[in-house]
Amino acid sequence: MDKRSRVTVWRSRLTYATLIQILVVFELVLSAMLLSVSYLTGNLYFKGVGIGLLISWVTSALAYFVVKQAKAGAS
């Protein structure tokens, strides 16, 4: 099996809902890392980016659950 077909198999198993969940968790982890770095270094830039990602995480998590509820109600 060559590399191209392995990537295609991996992508075919990845659903839209799983991708959204992965991205939401990634935003949370990245914001926690940046906030930790800002705390350790005292850098305000990292703190601002970390807070921005935290706001983004809350927004996307809420949107995920609202859409999930709407789809459950529609079926």
C-alpha atoms as a PDB file:
ATOM      1  CA  MET A   1       0.000   0.000   0.000  1.00  0.00           C
ATOM      2  CA  ASP A   2       1.555   3.295  -1.019  1.00  0.00           C
ATOM      3  CA  LYS A   3       1.434   6.532   0.954  1.00  0.00           C
ATOM      4  CA  ARG A   4      -1.317   8.111  -1.112  1.00  0.00           C
ATOM      5  CA  SER A   5      -3.786   5.299  -0.542  1.00  0.00           C
ATOM      6  CA  ARG A   6      -3.106   5.286   3.236  1.00  0.00           C
ATOM      7  CA  VAL A   7      -3.993   8.979   3.397  1.00  0.00           C
ATOM      8  CA  THR A   8      -7.153   8.345   1.398  1.00  0.00           C
ATOM      9  CA  VAL A   9      -8.204   5.541   3.757  1.00  0.00           C
ATOM     10  CA  TRP A  10      -7.552   7.767   6.786  1.00  0.00           C
ATOM     11  CA  ARG A  11      -9.602  10.601   5.294  1.00  0.00           C
ATOM     12  CA  SER A  12     -12.472   8.337   4.375  1.00  0.00           C
ATOM     13  CA  ARG A  13     -12.831   7.252   8.022  1.00  0.00           C
ATOM     14  CA  LEU A  14     -12.851  10.859   9.269  1.00  0.00           C
ATOM     15  CA  THR A  15     -16.399  12.178   9.551  1.00  0.00           C
ATOM     16  CA  TYR A  16     -17.436  15.804   9.698  1.00  0.00           C
ATOM     17  CA  ALA A  17     -18.524  15.531  13.347  1.00  0.00           C
ATOM     18  CA  THR A  18     -15.220  13.937  14.355  1.00  0.00           C
ATOM     19  CA  LEU A  19     -13.271  16.670  12.575  1.00  0.00           C
ATOM     20  CA  ILE A  20     -15.225  19.386  14.397  1.00  0.00           C
ATOM     21  CA  GLN A  21     -14.616  17.662  17.745  1.00  0.00           C
ATOM     22  CA  ILE A  22     -10.894  17.396  17.035  1.00  0.00           C
ATOM     23  CA  LEU A  23     -10.669  21.081  16.111  1.00  0.00           C
ATOM     24  CA  VAL A  24     -12.573  22.172  19.236  1.00  0.00           C
ATOM     25  CA  VAL A  25     -10.241  20.159  21.472  1.00  0.00           C
ATOM     26  CA  PHE A  26      -7.225  21.478  19.553  1.00  0.00           C
ATOM     27  CA  GLU A  27      -8.318  25.080  20.217  1.00  0.00           C
ATOM     28  CA  LEU A  28      -8.630  24.318  23.934  1.00  0.00           C
ATOM     29  CA  VAL A  29      -5.211  22.667  24.144  1.00  0.00           C
ATOM     30  CA  LEU A  30      -3.512  25.409  22.128  1.00  0.00           C
ATOM     31  CA  SER A  31      -5.049  28.166  24.248  1.00  0.00           C
ATOM     32  CA  ALA A  32      -3.972  26.397  27.456  1.00  0.00           C
ATOM     33  CA  MET A  33      -0.423  26.079  26.099  1.00  0.00           C
ATOM     34  CA  LEU A  34      -0.227  29.739  25.097  1.00  0.00           C
ATOM     35  CA  LEU A  35      -1.644  30.910  28.425  1.00  0.00           C
ATOM     36  CA  SER A  36       0.906  28.744  30.243  1.00  0.00           C
ATOM     37  CA  VAL A  37       3.746  30.161  28.149  1.00  0.00           C
ATOM     38  CA  SER A  38       2.522  33.699  28.827  1.00  0.00           C
ATOM     39  CA  TYR A  39       2.423  32.986  32.544  1.00  0.00           C
ATOM     40  CA  LEU A  40       5.956  31.579  32.529  1.00  0.00           C
ATOM     41  CA  THR A  41       7.499  34.280  30.343  1.00  0.00           C
ATOM     42  CA  GLY A  42       5.320  37.258  31.244  1.00  0.00           C
ATOM     43  CA  ASN A  43       4.754  37.940  27.541  1.00  0.00           C
ATOM     44  CA  LEU A  44       1.518  39.859  26.938  1.00  0.00           C
ATOM     45  CA  TYR A  45       1.374  38.818  23.274  1.00  0.00           C
ATOM     46  CA  PHE A  46       1.032  35.126  24.172  1.00  0.00           C
ATOM     47  CA  LYS A  47      -1.544  36.024  26.803  1.00  0.00           C
ATOM     48  CA  GLY A  48      -3.631  37.925  24.255  1.00  0.00           C
ATOM     49  CA  VAL A  49      -3.466  35.137  21.695  1.00  0.00           C
ATOM     50  CA  GLY A  50      -4.289  32.557  24.388  1.00  0.00           C
ATOM     51  CA  ILE A  51      -7.332  34.532  25.541  1.00  0.00           C
ATOM     52  CA  GLY A  52      -8.445  34.982  21.933  1.00  0.00           C
ATOM     53  CA  LEU A  53      -8.202  31.245  21.360  1.00  0.00           C
ATOM     54  CA  LEU A  54     -10.083  30.609  24.590  1.00  0.00           C
ATOM     55  CA  ILE A  55     -12.918  32.852  23.380  1.00  0.00           C
ATOM     56  CA  SER A  56     -12.825  31.050  20.041  1.00  0.00           C
ATOM     57  CA  TRP A  57     -12.973  27.688  21.833  1.00  0.00           C
ATOM     58  CA  VAL A  58     -16.034  28.674  23.870  1.00  0.00           C
ATOM     59  CA  THR A  59     -17.786  29.966  20.764  1.00  0.00           C
ATOM     60  CA  SER A  60     -17.063  26.867  18.687  1.00  0.00           C
ATOM     61  CA  ALA A  61     -17.988  24.491  21.534  1.00  0.00           C
ATOM     62  CA  LEU A  62     -21.323  26.248  21.999  1.00  0.00           C
ATOM     63  CA  ALA A  63     -21.958  26.207  18.261  1.00  0.00           C
ATOM     64  CA  TYR A  64     -21.142  22.492  18.115  1.00  0.00           C
ATOM     65  CA  PHE A  65     -23.633  21.644  20.851  1.00  0.00           C
ATOM     66  CA  VAL A  66     -26.358  23.906  19.411  1.00  0.00           C
ATOM     67  CA  VAL A  67     -26.015  22.309  15.979  1.00  0.00           C
ATOM     68  CA  LYS A  68     -25.944  18.849  17.538  1.00  0.00           C
ATOM     69  CA  GLN A  69     -29.165  19.617  19.464  1.00  0.00           C
ATOM     70  CA  ALA A  70     -30.810  21.026  16.328  1.00  0.00           C
ATOM     71  CA  LYS A  71     -29.944  17.931  14.309  1.00  0.00           C
ATOM     72  CA  ALA A  72     -31.207  15.652  17.093  1.00  0.00           C
ATOM     73  CA  GLY A  73     -34.473  17.580  17.230  1.00  0.00           C
ATOM     74  CA  ALA A  74     -34.923  17.500  13.459  1.00  0.00           C
ATOM     75  CA  SER A  75     -34.694  13.714  13.215  1.00  0.00           C
END
